[in-house]
C-alpha cells in the first residue's frame, strides 16, 4: 500500500512537471505529445487512487470485523466439559436473553463463532457435541 502511495505521488509530480513544460512549448506537435503523455499520467494516477481507496475500504472492513470479534470473544470462558475436552462457554454474567451454550474452541482460536450442537451417535448411542464449521466431535459419554 505504501508503494502504491509513492507511485501516486511520483505520478502527480511528473504531471506537474509536464504541465509546467506545456506553457513554454510553441511547437503544436510537441505540445500535443506532451498533452497526451500528461493525460495518460492522469489516468494512471486515478487508477492508483482508486486502488488505494479500495485497499483502505478493505482494511476498514477487516478492522471492524476484528474489533467485533474481540468484543464477542470476551463473552466466553474456556471450559473443560470432560477431562481433556474443551469448549468455550458463554459466561453466565452475559447470558441475558441468550441461552447458555458452548462454542468450538478450535474455531474460536481462528476467530469464528460456531455453536456446538448436541447429537447422539448411531454406534454406541454416545452423546456428542458437534461443530458445524470444522466438524469437530466431542464425545461426552466416554470416561477418560
N, C-alpha and C. Protein backbone atom coordinates (compact mmCIF):
# COMPACT_ATOMS: atom_id res chain seq x y z
N UNK A 1 0.82 -1.18 0.00
CA UNK A 1 0.00 0.00 0.00
C UNK A 1 0.87 1.25 0.00
N UNK A 2 1.97 1.23 0.72
CA UNK A 2 2.87 2.39 0.75
C UNK A 2 3.49 2.60 -0.62
N UNK A 3 3.86 1.51 -1.28
CA UNK A 3 4.46 1.65 -2.61
C UNK A 3 3.47 2.26 -3.60
N UNK A 4 2.18 1.90 -3.45
CA UNK A 4 1.16 2.48 -4.32
C UNK A 4 1.03 3.98 -4.07
N UNK A 5 1.12 4.38 -2.81
CA UNK A 5 1.04 5.81 -2.48
C UNK A 5 2.24 6.56 -3.05
N UNK A 6 3.43 5.96 -2.96
CA UNK A 6 4.64 6.60 -3.50
C UNK A 6 4.52 6.73 -5.02
N UNK A 7 4.02 5.69 -5.66
CA UNK A 7 3.83 5.74 -7.12
C UNK A 7 2.87 6.86 -7.47
N UNK A 8 1.79 7.00 -6.68
CA UNK A 8 0.82 8.07 -6.92
C UNK A 8 1.43 9.45 -6.77
N UNK A 9 2.25 9.64 -5.75
CA UNK A 9 2.91 10.94 -5.53
C UNK A 9 3.87 11.22 -6.68
N UNK A 10 4.64 10.21 -7.08
CA UNK A 10 5.57 10.39 -8.21
C UNK A 10 4.82 10.74 -9.49
N UNK A 11 3.68 10.11 -9.71
CA UNK A 11 2.88 10.40 -10.90
C UNK A 11 2.39 11.84 -10.87
N UNK A 12 1.96 12.29 -9.70
CA UNK A 12 1.49 13.68 -9.59
C UNK A 12 2.63 14.67 -9.83
N UNK A 13 3.81 14.38 -9.30
CA UNK A 13 4.96 15.25 -9.54
C UNK A 13 5.31 15.29 -11.02
N UNK A 14 5.27 14.13 -11.65
CA UNK A 14 5.56 14.03 -13.07
C UNK A 14 4.53 14.84 -13.88
N UNK A 15 3.26 14.76 -13.49
CA UNK A 15 2.22 15.52 -14.19
C UNK A 15 2.43 17.02 -14.03
N UNK A 16 2.82 17.43 -12.84
CA UNK A 16 3.08 18.84 -12.60
C UNK A 16 4.22 19.34 -13.48
N UNK A 17 5.27 18.54 -13.57
CA UNK A 17 6.40 18.92 -14.44
C UNK A 17 5.97 19.03 -15.89
N UNK A 18 5.16 18.07 -16.34
CA UNK A 18 4.68 18.10 -17.73
C UNK A 18 3.80 19.32 -17.97
N UNK A 19 2.94 19.63 -17.01
CA UNK A 19 2.05 20.78 -17.17
C UNK A 19 2.86 22.07 -17.25
N UNK A 20 3.91 22.19 -16.44
CA UNK A 20 4.76 23.38 -16.49
C UNK A 20 5.47 23.50 -17.83
N UNK A 21 5.88 22.36 -18.38
CA UNK A 21 6.61 22.41 -19.65
C UNK A 21 5.68 22.75 -20.81
N UNK A 22 4.39 22.47 -20.70
CA UNK A 22 3.43 22.80 -21.76
C UNK A 22 3.39 24.30 -22.03
N UNK A 23 3.55 25.07 -20.99
CA UNK A 23 3.43 26.52 -21.11
C UNK A 23 4.49 27.10 -22.05
N UNK A 24 5.69 26.55 -22.03
CA UNK A 24 6.78 27.11 -22.84
C UNK A 24 6.93 26.48 -24.21
N UNK A 25 6.05 25.54 -24.58
CA UNK A 25 6.20 24.86 -25.87
C UNK A 25 5.39 25.59 -26.94
N UNK A 26 6.08 25.97 -28.02
CA UNK A 26 5.42 26.66 -29.13
C UNK A 26 5.04 25.69 -30.25
N UNK A 27 5.78 24.60 -30.40
CA UNK A 27 5.53 23.62 -31.46
C UNK A 27 4.27 22.81 -31.10
N UNK A 28 3.25 22.84 -31.93
CA UNK A 28 1.97 22.17 -31.67
C UNK A 28 2.13 20.66 -31.55
N UNK A 29 2.99 20.07 -32.37
CA UNK A 29 3.18 18.61 -32.33
C UNK A 29 3.78 18.19 -30.98
N UNK A 30 4.80 18.90 -30.56
CA UNK A 30 5.44 18.58 -29.28
C UNK A 30 4.45 18.81 -28.14
N UNK A 31 3.71 19.93 -28.24
CA UNK A 31 2.73 20.26 -27.20
C UNK A 31 1.66 19.17 -27.12
N UNK A 32 1.18 18.69 -28.27
CA UNK A 32 0.17 17.63 -28.28
C UNK A 32 0.72 16.32 -27.71
N UNK A 33 1.96 16.00 -28.02
CA UNK A 33 2.60 14.79 -27.48
C UNK A 33 2.68 14.86 -25.96
N UNK A 34 3.09 16.02 -25.46
CA UNK A 34 3.19 16.21 -24.01
C UNK A 34 1.80 16.17 -23.38
N UNK A 35 0.81 16.74 -24.04
CA UNK A 35 -0.56 16.72 -23.52
C UNK A 35 -1.09 15.29 -23.43
N UNK A 36 -0.79 14.48 -24.45
CA UNK A 36 -1.20 13.07 -24.43
C UNK A 36 -0.51 12.34 -23.29
N UNK A 37 0.77 12.59 -23.13
CA UNK A 37 1.53 11.95 -22.05
C UNK A 37 0.95 12.36 -20.69
N UNK A 38 0.60 13.62 -20.56
CA UNK A 38 0.00 14.12 -19.32
C UNK A 38 -1.34 13.44 -19.06
N UNK A 39 -2.15 13.30 -20.08
CA UNK A 39 -3.44 12.63 -19.94
C UNK A 39 -3.26 11.18 -19.49
N UNK A 40 -2.28 10.48 -20.06
CA UNK A 40 -2.01 9.10 -19.65
C UNK A 40 -1.60 9.03 -18.18
N UNK A 41 -0.79 9.98 -17.75
CA UNK A 41 -0.35 10.00 -16.36
C UNK A 41 -1.52 10.31 -15.42
N UNK A 42 -2.43 11.17 -15.85
CA UNK A 42 -3.62 11.48 -15.04
C UNK A 42 -4.48 10.23 -14.89
N UNK A 43 -4.66 9.50 -15.97
CA UNK A 43 -5.44 8.26 -15.93
C UNK A 43 -4.78 7.25 -14.99
N UNK A 44 -3.46 7.12 -15.08
CA UNK A 44 -2.74 6.19 -14.20
C UNK A 44 -2.86 6.62 -12.74
N UNK A 45 -2.82 7.93 -12.49
CA UNK A 45 -2.95 8.43 -11.12
C UNK A 45 -4.35 8.14 -10.57
N UNK A 46 -5.36 8.30 -11.41
CA UNK A 46 -6.73 7.97 -10.99
C UNK A 46 -6.86 6.49 -10.66
N UNK A 47 -6.25 5.65 -11.47
CA UNK A 47 -6.30 4.20 -11.21
C UNK A 47 -5.60 3.86 -9.90
N UNK A 48 -4.46 4.49 -9.65
CA UNK A 48 -3.73 4.25 -8.39
C UNK A 48 -4.56 4.73 -7.21
N UNK A 49 -5.21 5.88 -7.36
CA UNK A 49 -6.05 6.41 -6.30
C UNK A 49 -7.22 5.46 -6.02
N UNK A 50 -7.85 4.95 -7.06
CA UNK A 50 -8.97 4.01 -6.90
C UNK A 50 -8.50 2.74 -6.18
N UNK A 51 -7.31 2.26 -6.53
CA UNK A 51 -6.77 1.06 -5.87
C UNK A 51 -6.53 1.34 -4.39
N UNK A 52 -6.00 2.50 -4.07
CA UNK A 52 -5.76 2.86 -2.67
C UNK A 52 -7.07 2.99 -1.89
N UNK A 53 -8.06 3.60 -2.51
CA UNK A 53 -9.36 3.75 -1.85
C UNK A 53 -9.97 2.38 -1.57
N UNK A 54 -9.86 1.48 -2.52
CA UNK A 54 -10.37 0.12 -2.35
C UNK A 54 -9.62 -0.60 -1.23
N UNK A 55 -8.32 -0.46 -1.20
CA UNK A 55 -7.49 -1.10 -0.17
C UNK A 55 -7.85 -0.57 1.22
N UNK A 56 -8.04 0.74 1.33
CA UNK A 56 -8.42 1.35 2.61
C UNK A 56 -9.78 0.83 3.05
N UNK A 57 -10.73 0.74 2.13
CA UNK A 57 -12.06 0.23 2.46
C UNK A 57 -11.97 -1.21 2.97
N UNK A 58 -11.16 -2.04 2.30
CA UNK A 58 -10.98 -3.43 2.73
C UNK A 58 -10.37 -3.49 4.14
N UNK A 59 -9.38 -2.65 4.38
CA UNK A 59 -8.75 -2.62 5.70
C UNK A 59 -9.71 -2.15 6.78
N UNK A 60 -10.54 -1.18 6.45
CA UNK A 60 -11.53 -0.71 7.42
C UNK A 60 -12.54 -1.81 7.75
N UNK A 61 -12.97 -2.57 6.75
CA UNK A 61 -13.89 -3.69 6.99
C UNK A 61 -13.23 -4.74 7.88
N UNK A 62 -11.96 -5.04 7.60
CA UNK A 62 -11.24 -6.02 8.39
C UNK A 62 -11.07 -5.54 9.84
N UNK A 63 -10.83 -4.26 10.02
CA UNK A 63 -10.70 -3.70 11.37
C UNK A 63 -12.02 -3.82 12.13
N UNK A 64 -13.13 -3.52 11.48
CA UNK A 64 -14.44 -3.65 12.12
C UNK A 64 -14.69 -5.10 12.50
N UNK A 65 -14.37 -6.04 11.59
CA UNK A 65 -14.56 -7.46 11.88
C UNK A 65 -13.70 -7.87 13.08
N UNK A 66 -12.46 -7.41 13.11
CA UNK A 66 -11.56 -7.73 14.21
C UNK A 66 -12.07 -7.17 15.53
N UNK A 67 -12.49 -5.90 15.53
CA UNK A 67 -13.00 -5.28 16.75
C UNK A 67 -14.26 -5.97 17.24
N UNK A 68 -15.14 -6.34 16.32
CA UNK A 68 -16.37 -7.05 16.68
C UNK A 68 -16.04 -8.40 17.31
N UNK A 69 -15.10 -9.14 16.71
CA UNK A 69 -14.72 -10.44 17.25
C UNK A 69 -14.06 -10.28 18.62
N UNK A 70 -13.22 -9.27 18.78
CA UNK A 70 -12.57 -9.04 20.07
C UNK A 70 -13.62 -8.84 21.17
N UNK A 71 -14.66 -8.07 20.89
CA UNK A 71 -15.73 -7.85 21.86
C UNK A 71 -16.51 -9.14 22.11
N UNK A 72 -16.79 -9.88 21.04
CA UNK A 72 -17.57 -11.11 21.15
C UNK A 72 -16.81 -12.18 21.94
N UNK A 73 -15.53 -12.32 21.69
CA UNK A 73 -14.79 -13.41 22.36
C UNK A 73 -14.62 -13.17 23.86
N UNK A 74 -14.77 -11.92 24.30
CA UNK A 74 -14.70 -11.62 25.73
C UNK A 74 -15.90 -12.19 26.49
N UNK A 75 -16.92 -12.58 25.76
CA UNK A 75 -18.13 -13.14 26.36
C UNK A 75 -18.00 -14.62 26.72
N UNK A 76 -16.86 -15.25 26.36
CA UNK A 76 -16.69 -16.69 26.55
C UNK A 76 -15.49 -17.02 27.42
N UNK A 77 -15.64 -18.10 28.21
CA UNK A 77 -14.55 -18.64 29.03
C UNK A 77 -14.20 -20.02 28.53
N UNK A 78 -12.94 -20.41 28.71
CA UNK A 78 -12.53 -21.78 28.41
C UNK A 78 -13.17 -22.70 29.44
N UNK A 79 -13.75 -23.79 28.97
CA UNK A 79 -14.47 -24.72 29.85
C UNK A 79 -14.09 -26.15 29.50
N UNK A 80 -13.74 -26.94 30.51
CA UNK A 80 -13.44 -28.36 30.31
C UNK A 80 -14.72 -29.14 30.55
N UNK A 81 -15.33 -29.66 29.46
CA UNK A 81 -16.60 -30.38 29.60
C UNK A 81 -16.39 -31.81 30.07
N UNK A 82 -15.28 -32.40 29.73
CA UNK A 82 -14.81 -33.71 30.19
C UNK A 82 -13.31 -33.60 30.25
N UNK A 83 -12.69 -34.47 30.97
CA UNK A 83 -11.23 -34.41 31.10
C UNK A 83 -10.59 -34.40 29.71
N UNK A 84 -9.86 -33.33 29.42
CA UNK A 84 -9.17 -33.20 28.14
C UNK A 84 -10.03 -32.74 26.99
N UNK A 85 -11.30 -32.42 27.24
CA UNK A 85 -12.21 -31.95 26.18
C UNK A 85 -12.67 -30.54 26.52
N UNK A 86 -12.28 -29.59 25.67
CA UNK A 86 -12.52 -28.18 25.97
C UNK A 86 -13.46 -27.53 24.96
N UNK A 87 -14.23 -26.60 25.47
CA UNK A 87 -15.07 -25.73 24.64
C UNK A 87 -14.90 -24.31 25.18
N UNK A 88 -15.56 -23.40 24.53
CA UNK A 88 -15.70 -22.05 25.07
C UNK A 88 -17.17 -21.91 25.45
N UNK A 89 -17.41 -21.54 26.71
CA UNK A 89 -18.77 -21.45 27.23
C UNK A 89 -19.15 -20.00 27.45
N UNK A 90 -20.37 -19.66 27.10
CA UNK A 90 -20.88 -18.32 27.33
C UNK A 90 -20.86 -18.05 28.83
N UNK A 91 -20.29 -16.91 29.22
CA UNK A 91 -20.23 -16.54 30.63
C UNK A 91 -21.64 -16.29 31.16
N UNK A 92 -21.88 -16.74 32.38
CA UNK A 92 -23.20 -16.54 32.99
C UNK A 92 -23.53 -15.06 33.10
N UNK A 93 -22.54 -14.25 33.33
CA UNK A 93 -22.77 -12.81 33.54
C UNK A 93 -23.25 -12.09 32.27
N UNK A 94 -23.10 -12.71 31.10
CA UNK A 94 -23.51 -12.05 29.85
C UNK A 94 -24.64 -12.78 29.13
N UNK A 95 -25.21 -13.78 29.77
CA UNK A 95 -26.25 -14.57 29.10
C UNK A 95 -27.44 -13.73 28.67
N UNK A 96 -28.02 -12.95 29.57
CA UNK A 96 -29.17 -12.13 29.21
C UNK A 96 -30.29 -12.98 28.62
N UNK A 97 -30.74 -12.62 27.43
CA UNK A 97 -31.81 -13.38 26.78
C UNK A 97 -31.26 -14.54 25.94
N UNK A 98 -29.96 -14.62 25.84
CA UNK A 98 -29.32 -15.68 25.05
C UNK A 98 -29.21 -16.95 25.91
N UNK A 99 -29.60 -18.11 25.37
CA UNK A 99 -29.50 -19.34 26.18
C UNK A 99 -28.03 -19.74 26.39
N UNK A 100 -27.76 -20.44 27.50
CA UNK A 100 -26.39 -20.93 27.71
C UNK A 100 -25.99 -21.85 26.55
N UNK A 101 -24.75 -21.72 26.11
CA UNK A 101 -24.29 -22.57 25.01
C UNK A 101 -22.77 -22.64 25.02
N UNK A 102 -22.25 -23.56 24.24
CA UNK A 102 -20.81 -23.74 24.08
C UNK A 102 -20.46 -23.48 22.62
N UNK A 103 -19.26 -22.91 22.38
CA UNK A 103 -18.77 -22.78 21.02
C UNK A 103 -17.48 -23.58 20.89
N UNK A 104 -17.16 -23.94 19.67
CA UNK A 104 -15.98 -24.75 19.37
C UNK A 104 -14.70 -23.98 19.72
N UNK A 105 -13.85 -24.61 20.53
CA UNK A 105 -12.60 -23.96 20.94
C UNK A 105 -11.65 -23.78 19.76
N UNK A 106 -11.62 -24.74 18.82
CA UNK A 106 -10.74 -24.61 17.65
C UNK A 106 -11.18 -23.44 16.77
N UNK A 107 -12.46 -23.35 16.51
CA UNK A 107 -12.97 -22.25 15.68
C UNK A 107 -12.78 -20.91 16.38
N UNK A 108 -12.99 -20.88 17.67
CA UNK A 108 -12.78 -19.66 18.47
C UNK A 108 -11.36 -19.15 18.26
N UNK A 109 -10.38 -20.05 18.27
CA UNK A 109 -8.98 -19.66 18.08
C UNK A 109 -8.71 -19.12 16.68
N UNK A 110 -9.57 -19.45 15.72
CA UNK A 110 -9.44 -18.94 14.35
C UNK A 110 -10.31 -17.71 14.11
N UNK A 111 -10.99 -17.23 15.17
CA UNK A 111 -11.82 -16.04 15.04
C UNK A 111 -13.21 -16.32 14.50
N UNK A 112 -13.70 -17.54 14.70
CA UNK A 112 -15.02 -17.93 14.20
C UNK A 112 -15.87 -18.40 15.38
N UNK A 113 -17.10 -17.94 15.43
CA UNK A 113 -18.03 -18.39 16.47
C UNK A 113 -18.91 -19.48 15.88
N UNK A 114 -18.72 -20.70 16.37
CA UNK A 114 -19.52 -21.83 15.88
C UNK A 114 -20.12 -22.55 17.10
N UNK A 115 -21.43 -22.44 17.24
CA UNK A 115 -22.11 -23.06 18.39
C UNK A 115 -22.13 -24.57 18.21
N UNK A 116 -21.72 -25.28 19.27
CA UNK A 116 -21.69 -26.74 19.23
C UNK A 116 -23.11 -27.28 19.38
N UNK A 117 -23.45 -28.28 18.57
CA UNK A 117 -24.78 -28.89 18.57
C UNK A 117 -24.70 -30.29 19.17
N UNK A 118 -25.68 -30.63 19.96
CA UNK A 118 -25.74 -31.95 20.58
C UNK A 118 -26.24 -32.97 19.56
N UNK A 119 -25.64 -34.15 19.61
CA UNK A 119 -26.00 -35.22 18.66
C UNK A 119 -25.77 -36.56 19.35
N UNK A 120 -26.62 -37.54 19.09
CA UNK A 120 -26.42 -38.89 19.62
C UNK A 120 -25.92 -39.74 18.46
N UNK A 121 -24.76 -40.39 18.68
CA UNK A 121 -24.18 -41.19 17.60
C UNK A 121 -24.96 -42.48 17.41
N UNK A 122 -24.94 -42.98 16.17
CA UNK A 122 -25.63 -44.23 15.85
C UNK A 122 -24.97 -45.41 16.56
N UNK A 123 -23.66 -45.42 16.57
CA UNK A 123 -22.92 -46.52 17.18
C UNK A 123 -22.70 -46.20 18.66
N UNK A 124 -23.18 -47.04 19.52
CA UNK A 124 -22.93 -46.89 20.94
C UNK A 124 -23.82 -45.87 21.63
N UNK A 125 -24.65 -45.19 20.86
CA UNK A 125 -25.58 -44.21 21.41
C UNK A 125 -24.89 -43.19 22.32
N UNK A 126 -23.70 -42.76 21.91
CA UNK A 126 -22.94 -41.77 22.68
C UNK A 126 -23.45 -40.37 22.37
N UNK A 127 -23.39 -39.52 23.38
CA UNK A 127 -23.75 -38.13 23.20
C UNK A 127 -22.51 -37.36 22.74
N UNK A 128 -22.67 -36.59 21.66
CA UNK A 128 -21.56 -35.82 21.09
C UNK A 128 -21.95 -34.35 21.03
N UNK A 129 -20.94 -33.50 21.10
CA UNK A 129 -21.11 -32.10 20.73
C UNK A 129 -20.38 -31.95 19.40
N UNK A 130 -21.07 -31.43 18.38
CA UNK A 130 -20.53 -31.37 17.03
C UNK A 130 -20.45 -29.92 16.57
N UNK A 131 -19.30 -29.58 15.97
CA UNK A 131 -19.11 -28.26 15.39
C UNK A 131 -19.50 -28.31 13.92
N UNK A 132 -20.43 -27.46 13.54
CA UNK A 132 -20.87 -27.41 12.15
C UNK A 132 -19.84 -26.79 11.22
N UNK A 133 -18.90 -26.04 11.77
CA UNK A 133 -17.89 -25.35 10.96
C UNK A 133 -16.71 -26.28 10.63
N UNK A 134 -16.04 -26.79 11.67
CA UNK A 134 -14.82 -27.59 11.44
C UNK A 134 -15.06 -29.09 11.61
N UNK A 135 -16.29 -29.47 11.95
CA UNK A 135 -16.71 -30.87 12.08
C UNK A 135 -16.09 -31.60 13.28
N UNK A 136 -15.52 -30.86 14.23
CA UNK A 136 -15.01 -31.47 15.45
C UNK A 136 -16.16 -32.14 16.19
N UNK A 137 -15.91 -33.35 16.72
CA UNK A 137 -16.89 -34.05 17.54
C UNK A 137 -16.29 -34.33 18.91
N UNK A 138 -16.99 -33.87 19.94
CA UNK A 138 -16.54 -34.10 21.32
C UNK A 138 -17.48 -35.12 21.94
N UNK A 139 -16.94 -36.29 22.27
CA UNK A 139 -17.73 -37.36 22.86
C UNK A 139 -17.88 -37.11 24.35
N UNK A 140 -19.12 -36.88 24.79
CA UNK A 140 -19.38 -36.60 26.20
C UNK A 140 -19.60 -37.86 27.02
N UNK A 141 -19.78 -38.99 26.35
CA UNK A 141 -20.10 -40.23 27.06
C UNK A 141 -18.87 -40.99 27.54
N UNK A 142 -17.76 -40.80 26.91
CA UNK A 142 -16.55 -41.54 27.26
C UNK A 142 -15.95 -41.00 28.55
N UNK A 143 -15.57 -41.90 29.42
CA UNK A 143 -14.85 -41.51 30.63
C UNK A 143 -13.37 -41.59 30.35
N UNK A 144 -12.63 -40.55 30.69
CA UNK A 144 -11.19 -40.54 30.45
C UNK A 144 -10.49 -40.34 31.75
